[in-house]
Amino acid sequence: MAPAPEKAPAADRPVQLFQVSTLYGAATLAAALDAGQFGPATPPAGSC
């Protein structure tokens, strides 16, 4: 078994959270993510 890859600490990896309330919303969000409509997550201002 190969060793697990090293990961950066959580504080160094910004996270984007998306919330949807319907199946239609989930499908729309999935399509937007697949199409690259959201850029990479960026840290909040003043956090660095």
C-alpha atoms as a PDB file:
ATOM      1  CA  MET A   1       0.000   0.000   0.000  1.00  0.00           C
ATOM      2  CA  ALA A   2       1.359   3.429  -0.946  1.00  0.00           C
ATOM      3  CA  PRO A   3       1.779   6.060   1.784  1.00  0.00           C
ATOM      4  CA  ALA A   4      -0.883   8.755   1.973  1.00  0.00           C
ATOM      5  CA  PRO A   5       0.121  11.998   0.215  1.00  0.00           C
ATOM      6  CA  GLU A   6       1.003  14.877   2.497  1.00  0.00           C
ATOM      7  CA  LYS A   7      -1.632  17.577   2.718  1.00  0.00           C
ATOM      8  CA  ALA A   8      -1.259  21.242   3.541  1.00  0.00           C
ATOM      9  CA  PRO A   9      -2.630  22.343   6.916  1.00  0.00           C
ATOM     10  CA  ALA A  10      -6.305  23.292   6.780  1.00  0.00           C
ATOM     11  CA  ALA A  11      -5.488  26.949   7.504  1.00  0.00           C
ATOM     12  CA  ASP A  12      -3.503  27.091   4.251  1.00  0.00           C
ATOM     13  CA  ARG A  13      -6.319  25.712   2.090  1.00  0.00           C
ATOM     14  CA  PRO A  14      -9.283  28.056   1.547  1.00  0.00           C
ATOM     15  CA  VAL A  15     -12.661  26.356   1.261  1.00  0.00           C
ATOM     16  CA  GLN A  16     -15.741  27.380  -0.687  1.00  0.00           C
ATOM     17  CA  LEU A  17     -19.110  26.283   0.686  1.00  0.00           C
ATOM     18  CA  PHE A  18     -22.218  26.188  -1.448  1.00  0.00           C
ATOM     19  CA  GLN A  19     -25.742  25.646  -0.139  1.00  0.00           C
ATOM     20  CA  VAL A  20     -28.741  24.655  -2.209  1.00  0.00           C
ATOM     21  CA  SER A  21     -32.263  23.928  -1.048  1.00  0.00           C
ATOM     22  CA  THR A  22     -33.693  21.984  -3.981  1.00  0.00           C
ATOM     23  CA  LEU A  23     -32.672  19.259  -6.391  1.00  0.00           C
ATOM     24  CA  TYR A  24     -32.922  21.822  -9.200  1.00  0.00           C
ATOM     25  CA  GLY A  25     -30.518  24.067  -7.279  1.00  0.00           C
ATOM     26  CA  ALA A  26     -28.087  21.172  -6.800  1.00  0.00           C
ATOM     27  CA  ALA A  27     -28.202  20.363 -10.514  1.00  0.00           C
ATOM     28  CA  THR A  28     -27.665  24.020 -11.419  1.00  0.00           C
ATOM     29  CA  LEU A  29     -24.722  24.297  -9.028  1.00  0.00           C
ATOM     30  CA  ALA A  30     -23.188  21.084 -10.366  1.00  0.00           C
ATOM     31  CA  ALA A  31     -23.462  22.388 -13.929  1.00  0.00           C
ATOM     32  CA  ALA A  32     -21.875  25.711 -12.959  1.00  0.00           C
ATOM     33  CA  LEU A  33     -18.998  23.948 -11.193  1.00  0.00           C
ATOM     34  CA  ASP A  34     -18.446  21.652 -14.182  1.00  0.00           C
ATOM     35  CA  ALA A  35     -18.405  24.676 -16.489  1.00  0.00           C
ATOM     36  CA  GLY A  36     -15.750  26.419 -14.369  1.00  0.00           C
ATOM     37  CA  GLN A  37     -17.979  29.320 -13.384  1.00  0.00           C
ATOM     38  CA  PHE A  38     -16.331  29.571  -9.943  1.00  0.00           C
ATOM     39  CA  GLY A  39     -12.677  30.462  -9.607  1.00  0.00           C
ATOM     40  CA  PRO A  40     -10.321  29.035  -7.021  1.00  0.00           C
ATOM     41  CA  ALA A  41     -11.125  29.750  -3.389  1.00  0.00           C
ATOM     42  CA  THR A  42      -9.264  32.748  -2.019  1.00  0.00           C
ATOM     43  CA  PRO A  43      -8.570  33.484   1.648  1.00  0.00           C
ATOM     44  CA  PRO A  44     -10.622  36.226   3.296  1.00  0.00           C
ATOM     45  CA  ALA A  45      -9.058  39.688   3.317  1.00  0.00           C
ATOM     46  CA  GLY A  46      -6.673  40.225   6.212  1.00  0.00           C
ATOM     47  CA  SER A  47      -6.167  36.528   6.925  1.00  0.00           C
ATOM     48  CA  CYS A  48      -2.615  36.401   5.538  1.00  0.00           C
END
